[in-house]
Protein backbone atom coordinates (compact mmCIF):
# COMPACT_ATOMS: atom_id res chain seq x y z
CA UNK A 1 -0.12 -0.12 -0.43
CA UNK A 2 3.35 2.71 -0.06
CA UNK A 3 3.39 5.01 3.28
CA UNK A 4 0.60 6.61 4.46
CA UNK A 5 0.83 10.83 5.03
CA UNK A 6 -1.15 10.70 7.97
CA UNK A 7 0.29 10.31 11.86
CA UNK A 8 -3.11 9.18 13.52
CA UNK A 9 -4.10 4.65 14.10
CA UNK A 10 -6.14 3.01 10.93
CA UNK A 11 -8.93 1.22 11.77
CA UNK A 12 -9.53 1.80 14.99
CA UNK A 13 -12.73 4.49 16.20
CA UNK A 14 -11.05 7.40 18.37
CA UNK A 15 -11.93 10.50 19.92
CA UNK A 16 -9.92 13.67 19.70
CA UNK A 17 -11.30 15.28 23.14
CA UNK A 18 -10.72 12.36 24.62
CA UNK A 19 -7.16 10.79 23.65
CA UNK A 20 -5.16 14.34 23.91
CA UNK A 21 -6.81 15.74 26.61
CA UNK A 22 -5.84 19.76 28.38
CA UNK A 23 -3.06 19.15 30.32
CA UNK A 24 -3.41 22.02 33.35
CA UNK A 25 -1.48 25.01 32.56
CA UNK A 26 -0.50 24.14 28.84
CA UNK A 27 -1.54 24.95 24.94
CA UNK A 28 -0.05 21.36 23.32
CA UNK A 29 -0.83 20.59 19.66
CA UNK A 30 -0.35 17.65 17.84
CA UNK A 31 0.10 17.65 13.69
CA UNK A 32 -1.52 14.82 12.10
CA UNK A 33 0.34 15.39 8.48
CA UNK A 34 3.23 17.31 6.66
CA UNK A 35 3.74 20.15 4.30
CA UNK A 36 0.57 22.47 3.70
CA UNK A 37 -2.75 21.47 3.90
CA UNK A 38 -1.89 20.70 7.53
CA UNK A 39 -3.84 19.64 9.99
CA UNK A 40 -3.42 20.06 13.74
CA UNK A 41 -5.60 18.85 17.47
CA UNK A 42 -4.70 21.64 19.91
CA UNK A 43 -5.38 20.94 23.12
CA UNK A 44 -5.59 24.14 25.79
CA UNK A 45 -6.30 24.22 29.33
CA UNK A 46 -8.05 26.45 30.29
CA UNK A 47 -7.02 29.96 31.22
CA UNK A 48 -4.49 29.88 27.81
CA UNK A 49 -4.45 31.86 25.45
CA UNK A 50 -2.21 31.45 21.73
CA UNK A 51 -0.69 34.94 21.40
CA UNK A 52 -2.75 37.06 18.16
CA UNK A 53 -0.28 36.74 14.93
CA UNK A 54 -0.81 37.20 10.78
CA UNK A 55 -0.87 33.86 9.00
CA UNK A 56 -0.61 34.34 4.97
CA UNK A 57 -3.54 31.60 5.59
CA UNK A 58 -6.69 30.47 6.79
CA UNK A 59 -7.48 27.99 9.68
CA UNK A 60 -10.79 25.70 9.48
CA UNK A 61 -10.97 25.72 13.37
CA UNK A 62 -13.24 22.77 14.28
CA UNK A 63 -14.12 23.03 18.72
CA UNK A 64 -14.30 19.27 19.43
CA UNK A 65 -14.45 20.01 23.38
CA UNK A 66 -14.84 23.32 25.65
CA UNK A 67 -14.81 26.84 24.21
CA UNK A 68 -12.80 29.21 23.29
CA UNK A 69 -12.52 32.82 21.32
CA UNK A 70 -11.31 33.30 17.93
CA UNK A 71 -11.96 36.51 16.25
CA UNK A 72 -12.82 38.38 19.39
CA UNK A 73 -16.29 35.45 18.71
CA UNK A 74 -16.98 32.33 21.38
CA UNK A 75 -17.21 29.70 20.08
CA UNK A 76 -18.53 26.04 22.06
CA UNK A 77 -18.18 22.89 20.86
CA UNK A 78 -19.80 21.69 17.36
CA UNK A 79 -18.79 25.52 16.67
CA UNK A 80 -16.53 26.46 13.42
CA UNK A 81 -14.68 29.10 11.74
CA UNK A 82 -12.70 29.66 9.31
CA UNK A 83 -9.96 32.22 10.05
CA UNK A 84 -9.09 35.62 7.54
CA UNK A 85 -5.47 35.69 7.07
CA UNK A 86 -5.76 39.44 6.76
CA UNK A 87 -5.28 40.67 11.01
CA UNK A 88 -4.05 39.23 13.65
CA UNK A 89 -6.24 35.15 14.89
CA UNK A 90 -5.26 34.80 18.46
CA UNK A 91 -6.84 31.93 20.73
CA UNK A 92 -8.11 32.27 24.37
CA UNK A 93 -10.04 29.82 25.88
CA UNK A 94 -11.29 30.39 30.26
CA UNK A 95 -12.90 26.57 30.33
CA UNK A 96 -10.22 24.72 28.05
CA UNK A 97 -10.65 23.34 25.02
CA UNK A 98 -9.86 20.99 22.08
CA UNK A 99 -10.55 22.31 18.73
CA UNK A 100 -9.12 20.22 15.53
CA UNK A 101 -7.13 22.87 13.03
CA UNK A 102 -6.71 22.58 9.16
CA UNK A 103 -4.36 24.96 7.57
CA UNK A 104 -6.41 26.13 4.22
CA UNK A 105 -3.26 28.37 1.73
CA UNK A 106 -5.29 30.83 -0.44
CA UNK A 107 -4.94 29.67 -3.14
CA UNK A 108 -6.97 26.64 -2.24
CA UNK A 109 -10.64 26.52 -3.63
CA UNK A 110 -12.76 27.55 -0.55
CA UNK A 111 -16.98 27.05 -1.36
CA UNK A 112 -18.30 30.17 -1.06
CA UNK A 113 -20.56 28.59 1.32
CA UNK A 114 -18.51 29.11 4.35
CA UNK A 115 -17.74 32.58 5.75
CA UNK A 116 -14.71 34.36 6.49
CA UNK A 117 -14.40 35.13 9.80
CA UNK A 118 -17.81 33.98 11.48
CA UNK A 119 -18.87 31.30 13.74
CA UNK A 120 -20.82 28.93 12.06
CA UNK A 121 -22.07 25.03 12.75
CA UNK A 122 -21.80 22.94 9.08
CA UNK A 123 -24.73 21.12 9.72
CA UNK A 124 -27.38 24.07 10.34
CA UNK A 125 -25.50 25.91 7.82
CA UNK A 126 -25.45 22.87 5.02
CA UNK A 127 -28.50 21.26 3.75
CA UNK A 128 -27.28 18.97 1.05
CA UNK A 129 -23.78 17.15 0.95
CA UNK A 130 -20.87 19.51 0.02
CA UNK A 131 -16.73 19.67 -1.16
CA UNK A 132 -15.56 22.86 1.20
CA UNK A 133 -12.01 22.62 0.25
CA UNK A 134 -9.88 21.60 -2.61
CA UNK A 135 -6.17 21.59 -3.26
CA UNK A 136 -3.71 18.99 -4.44
CA UNK A 137 -2.76 17.49 -0.90
CA UNK A 138 -6.62 17.77 0.89
CA UNK A 139 -9.49 17.13 -0.36
CA UNK A 140 -12.61 18.62 2.48
CA UNK A 141 -16.58 17.09 2.18
CA UNK A 142 -19.10 17.08 4.14
CA UNK A 143 -22.12 14.75 4.53
CA UNK A 144 -25.85 14.57 5.29
CA UNK A 145 -26.66 11.18 5.66
CA UNK A 146 -30.89 9.97 5.71
CA UNK A 147 -31.37 7.05 9.00
CA UNK A 148 -30.65 4.02 7.25
CA UNK A 149 -28.45 4.62 3.97
CA UNK A 150 -25.17 2.61 3.15
CA UNK A 151 -21.92 4.31 1.65
CA UNK A 152 -19.36 2.41 0.00
CA UNK A 153 -16.01 3.05 -0.21
CA UNK A 154 -12.90 1.82 -1.97
CA UNK A 155 -10.35 5.46 -1.90
CA UNK A 156 -6.89 5.44 -3.82
CA UNK A 157 -6.24 7.81 -0.40
CA UNK A 158 -6.22 8.13 3.16
CA UNK A 159 -9.00 9.10 4.51
CA UNK A 160 -9.92 10.81 7.48
CA UNK A 161 -13.70 10.48 8.89
CA UNK A 162 -15.10 12.76 11.79
CA UNK A 163 -18.90 12.35 12.76
CA UNK A 164 -20.78 15.50 14.07
CA UNK A 165 -23.78 14.41 14.65
CA UNK A 166 -26.24 11.09 14.41
CA UNK A 167 -24.47 7.45 15.05
CA UNK A 168 -23.87 4.33 12.07
CA UNK A 169 -21.44 2.14 11.33
CA UNK A 170 -18.33 1.43 10.09
CA UNK A 171 -17.18 -2.09 8.19
CA UNK A 172 -13.70 -2.54 7.03
CA UNK A 173 -12.88 -5.58 5.52
CA UNK A 174 -14.12 -8.57 8.42
CA UNK A 175 -14.54 -5.88 11.39
CA UNK A 176 -17.72 -3.53 12.31
CA UNK A 177 -16.90 -0.68 14.21
CA UNK A 178 -19.95 1.38 15.61
CA UNK A 179 -19.05 5.18 15.61
CA UNK A 180 -20.98 8.38 16.80
CA UNK A 181 -20.75 12.17 18.25
CA UNK A 182 -16.66 13.68 17.68
CA UNK A 183 -15.91 10.66 16.59
CA UNK A 184 -13.08 9.83 14.40
CA UNK A 185 -11.48 7.07 12.04
CA UNK A 186 -8.55 7.19 9.71
CA UNK A 187 -8.40 4.13 6.72
CA UNK A 188 -5.85 3.73 4.63
CA UNK A 189 -5.71 3.71 1.00
CA UNK A 190 -6.40 0.73 -0.90
CA UNK A 191 -8.65 -0.36 1.83
CA UNK A 192 -12.10 -0.31 1.21
CA UNK A 193 -14.90 -0.17 3.64
CA UNK A 194 -19.02 0.52 4.07
CA UNK A 195 -20.44 2.77 6.36
CA UNK A 196 -24.52 2.03 7.75
CA UNK A 197 -26.32 4.65 9.07
CA UNK A 198 -28.73 4.06 11.74
CA UNK A 199 -29.43 7.77 12.23
CA UNK A 200 -29.26 11.20 9.96
CA UNK A 201 -25.63 11.22 9.85
CA UNK A 202 -23.42 15.02 9.90
CA UNK A 203 -19.52 13.86 8.51
CA UNK A 204 -17.15 15.56 7.58
CA UNK A 205 -14.53 13.86 5.55
CA UNK A 206 -10.99 14.31 4.94
CA UNK A 207 -9.48 13.19 1.65
CA UNK A 208 -5.69 13.34 1.72
CA UNK A 209 -3.27 12.21 -1.23
CA UNK A 210 0.38 12.15 -1.05
């Protein structure tokens, strides 16, 4: 299958927030891949911050646990923001927070449905399957699936799934695993899997190209 570009476990359901809880007094980041379109997990303890800087790329941020203030707006669990490039961007949390961050170069295609610099909820904002961003290295898709639906993927890319809301099951060759709110699952390129929904399910899918 060749080397994977993702520094993450394949074939297991996991919670980012449980694997990377905040540590008192610390701001911690974990890199999931390398290069442009970089993906990180951030864990910030209560009453910590990251100093504001101007970045030459957008940051797509999804809050997995806790709350954080970004661009003078409070994001809670399940909220997202796409940060602007032209102004300093920092993070501050009073409660502690765990969030997913994806760096998106300005040259990427970014869906015009995504507001820049404003807090939004993906399931509330989008009512249909939508490609959020695309570059040669990364595509991000939002899927909304009805209960009792089945999707089969046979991928030539590494895939990263984040269940935003709803319950389902993933069958990867011989194993069936349950997945629910804010749990993740990674599929290595060259393997096939089937996703079946128990409830209506909203899903974020990252397609990573080596």
